[in-house]
Amino acid sequence: MSAVIDKARCNGCELCALYCPLDVIYMEDGVAVVRYPDECWYCGACRQECARDAVSFKFTPAMLGI
């Protein structure tokens, strides 16, 4: 799993892509896209910068140690 972008909430400000330390997020047609999901570290930089709450994380029970 990786960051998940809600395209309906994304306003194309590019802050998530700018602050992603691994360049996992790119802009396509004015909307953020997680291009390399397997490279995501779940650091939360993208989520923290998003004023529209368009970025979230989905974790499996195994990832949470459940």
N, C-alpha and C. Protein backbone atom coordinates (compact mmCIF):
# COMPACT_ATOMS: atom_id res chain seq x y z
N MET A 1 0.83 -1.18 0.00
CA MET A 1 0.00 0.00 0.00
C MET A 1 0.87 1.24 0.00
N SER A 2 0.27 2.33 -0.32
CA SER A 2 0.98 3.60 -0.35
C SER A 2 -0.03 4.72 -0.10
N ALA A 3 0.41 5.91 -0.33
CA ALA A 3 -0.51 7.04 -0.25
C ALA A 3 -1.61 6.86 -1.30
N VAL A 4 -2.81 7.30 -0.94
CA VAL A 4 -3.95 7.24 -1.86
C VAL A 4 -4.44 8.66 -2.05
N ILE A 5 -4.61 9.05 -3.31
CA ILE A 5 -5.06 10.40 -3.64
C ILE A 5 -6.54 10.38 -4.00
N ASP A 6 -7.33 11.20 -3.34
CA ASP A 6 -8.74 11.37 -3.68
C ASP A 6 -8.79 12.44 -4.76
N LYS A 7 -8.98 12.01 -5.99
CA LYS A 7 -8.94 12.94 -7.13
C LYS A 7 -10.03 14.00 -7.08
N ALA A 8 -11.14 13.69 -6.42
CA ALA A 8 -12.23 14.66 -6.30
C ALA A 8 -11.84 15.80 -5.36
N ARG A 9 -10.97 15.53 -4.40
CA ARG A 9 -10.54 16.56 -3.45
C ARG A 9 -9.30 17.31 -3.92
N CYS A 10 -8.49 16.68 -4.75
CA CYS A 10 -7.22 17.28 -5.19
C CYS A 10 -7.49 18.52 -6.04
N ASN A 11 -6.82 19.63 -5.68
CA ASN A 11 -6.98 20.86 -6.45
C ASN A 11 -5.77 21.13 -7.34
N GLY A 12 -4.82 20.20 -7.38
CA GLY A 12 -3.67 20.35 -8.27
C GLY A 12 -2.62 21.32 -7.79
N CYS A 13 -2.55 21.58 -6.50
CA CYS A 13 -1.59 22.56 -5.99
C CYS A 13 -0.14 22.07 -6.06
N GLU A 14 0.06 20.77 -6.19
CA GLU A 14 1.37 20.13 -6.34
C GLU A 14 2.21 20.07 -5.06
N LEU A 15 1.68 20.48 -3.92
CA LEU A 15 2.47 20.45 -2.69
C LEU A 15 2.83 19.03 -2.27
N CYS A 16 1.93 18.09 -2.47
CA CYS A 16 2.23 16.70 -2.10
C CYS A 16 3.41 16.18 -2.92
N ALA A 17 3.41 16.47 -4.20
CA ALA A 17 4.51 16.03 -5.06
C ALA A 17 5.81 16.74 -4.70
N LEU A 18 5.71 18.00 -4.36
CA LEU A 18 6.89 18.78 -4.01
C LEU A 18 7.54 18.28 -2.73
N TYR A 19 6.74 17.92 -1.73
CA TYR A 19 7.27 17.53 -0.43
C TYR A 19 7.55 16.03 -0.29
N CYS A 20 7.15 15.22 -1.25
CA CYS A 20 7.44 13.78 -1.18
C CYS A 20 8.94 13.57 -1.33
N PRO A 21 9.61 13.04 -0.28
CA PRO A 21 11.06 12.89 -0.33
C PRO A 21 11.55 11.85 -1.34
N LEU A 22 10.66 10.98 -1.79
CA LEU A 22 11.05 9.92 -2.72
C LEU A 22 10.53 10.15 -4.13
N ASP A 23 9.89 11.28 -4.38
CA ASP A 23 9.31 11.58 -5.69
C ASP A 23 8.36 10.48 -6.17
N VAL A 24 7.56 9.97 -5.25
CA VAL A 24 6.58 8.94 -5.55
C VAL A 24 5.34 9.54 -6.22
N ILE A 25 5.03 10.79 -5.89
CA ILE A 25 3.83 11.45 -6.39
C ILE A 25 4.19 12.40 -7.53
N TYR A 26 3.41 12.30 -8.59
CA TYR A 26 3.58 13.16 -9.76
C TYR A 26 2.23 13.77 -10.11
N MET A 27 2.28 14.79 -10.93
CA MET A 27 1.05 15.42 -11.39
C MET A 27 0.75 14.95 -12.81
N GLU A 28 -0.48 14.54 -13.03
CA GLU A 28 -0.95 14.15 -14.36
C GLU A 28 -2.30 14.81 -14.60
N ASP A 29 -2.38 15.58 -15.64
CA ASP A 29 -3.62 16.28 -15.99
C ASP A 29 -4.15 17.12 -14.83
N GLY A 30 -3.24 17.75 -14.08
CA GLY A 30 -3.62 18.65 -13.01
C GLY A 30 -4.04 17.98 -11.71
N VAL A 31 -3.81 16.67 -11.61
CA VAL A 31 -4.20 15.92 -10.42
C VAL A 31 -3.01 15.08 -9.95
N ALA A 32 -2.85 14.97 -8.64
CA ALA A 32 -1.76 14.16 -8.08
C ALA A 32 -2.02 12.68 -8.32
N VAL A 33 -0.95 11.96 -8.64
CA VAL A 33 -1.02 10.52 -8.89
C VAL A 33 0.15 9.85 -8.20
N VAL A 34 -0.10 8.74 -7.51
CA VAL A 34 0.99 7.97 -6.91
C VAL A 34 1.54 7.05 -7.99
N ARG A 35 2.65 7.46 -8.56
CA ARG A 35 3.20 6.72 -9.70
C ARG A 35 4.00 5.49 -9.27
N TYR A 36 4.67 5.57 -8.14
CA TYR A 36 5.51 4.46 -7.68
C TYR A 36 5.07 4.02 -6.28
N PRO A 37 3.94 3.35 -6.15
CA PRO A 37 3.40 3.02 -4.84
C PRO A 37 4.31 2.12 -4.00
N ASP A 38 5.06 1.25 -4.63
CA ASP A 38 5.95 0.36 -3.87
C ASP A 38 7.13 1.08 -3.24
N GLU A 39 7.38 2.30 -3.66
CA GLU A 39 8.51 3.07 -3.13
C GLU A 39 8.10 3.97 -1.96
N CYS A 40 6.82 4.05 -1.67
CA CYS A 40 6.32 4.93 -0.61
C CYS A 40 6.79 4.45 0.76
N TRP A 41 7.29 5.38 1.59
CA TRP A 41 7.76 5.08 2.95
C TRP A 41 6.69 5.36 4.00
N TYR A 42 5.54 5.89 3.61
CA TYR A 42 4.47 6.26 4.55
C TYR A 42 4.92 7.34 5.52
N CYS A 43 5.78 8.22 5.07
CA CYS A 43 6.31 9.26 5.97
C CYS A 43 5.25 10.30 6.32
N GLY A 44 4.25 10.48 5.45
CA GLY A 44 3.17 11.41 5.72
C GLY A 44 3.42 12.84 5.29
N ALA A 45 4.55 13.11 4.65
CA ALA A 45 4.85 14.48 4.21
C ALA A 45 3.78 14.99 3.25
N CYS A 46 3.36 14.14 2.34
CA CYS A 46 2.34 14.53 1.36
C CYS A 46 1.01 14.84 2.05
N ARG A 47 0.65 14.00 2.98
CA ARG A 47 -0.62 14.19 3.70
C ARG A 47 -0.60 15.45 4.55
N GLN A 48 0.52 15.71 5.18
CA GLN A 48 0.64 16.90 6.03
C GLN A 48 0.52 18.18 5.22
N GLU A 49 1.03 18.20 4.01
CA GLU A 49 1.00 19.41 3.19
C GLU A 49 -0.32 19.65 2.48
N CYS A 50 -1.15 18.62 2.40
CA CYS A 50 -2.40 18.75 1.65
C CYS A 50 -3.48 19.45 2.48
N ALA A 51 -3.83 20.65 2.08
CA ALA A 51 -4.86 21.43 2.78
C ALA A 51 -6.27 20.91 2.51
N ARG A 52 -6.42 20.10 1.48
CA ARG A 52 -7.75 19.60 1.10
C ARG A 52 -8.02 18.18 1.61
N ASP A 53 -7.11 17.62 2.38
CA ASP A 53 -7.24 16.24 2.88
C ASP A 53 -7.48 15.24 1.76
N ALA A 54 -6.78 15.45 0.65
CA ALA A 54 -6.92 14.56 -0.50
C ALA A 54 -6.01 13.34 -0.41
N VAL A 55 -5.09 13.35 0.54
CA VAL A 55 -4.13 12.25 0.67
C VAL A 55 -4.45 11.44 1.92
N SER A 56 -4.51 10.14 1.75
CA SER A 56 -4.72 9.25 2.89
C SER A 56 -3.84 8.02 2.72
N PHE A 57 -3.82 7.19 3.73
CA PHE A 57 -3.07 5.94 3.69
C PHE A 57 -4.00 4.80 4.03
N LYS A 58 -3.88 3.72 3.32
CA LYS A 58 -4.66 2.51 3.59
C LYS A 58 -3.68 1.43 4.03
N PHE A 59 -3.87 0.93 5.23
CA PHE A 59 -2.98 -0.10 5.76
C PHE A 59 -3.74 -1.42 5.91
N THR A 60 -3.08 -2.51 5.57
CA THR A 60 -3.66 -3.83 5.77
C THR A 60 -3.44 -4.25 7.22
N PRO A 61 -4.22 -5.19 7.73
CA PRO A 61 -3.99 -5.67 9.09
C PRO A 61 -2.56 -6.18 9.31
N ALA A 62 -1.99 -6.83 8.31
CA ALA A 62 -0.62 -7.34 8.43
C ALA A 62 0.37 -6.20 8.61
N MET A 63 0.14 -5.09 7.92
CA MET A 63 1.04 -3.94 8.04
C MET A 63 0.96 -3.33 9.43
N LEU A 64 -0.20 -3.47 10.07
CA LEU A 64 -0.40 -2.92 11.41
C LEU A 64 -0.03 -3.91 12.50
N GLY A 65 0.39 -5.10 12.10
CA GLY A 65 0.78 -6.11 13.07
C GLY A 65 -0.39 -6.79 13.75
N ILE A 66 -1.53 -6.76 13.08
CA ILE A 66 -2.74 -7.36 13.66
C ILE A 66 -2.91 -8.79 13.14
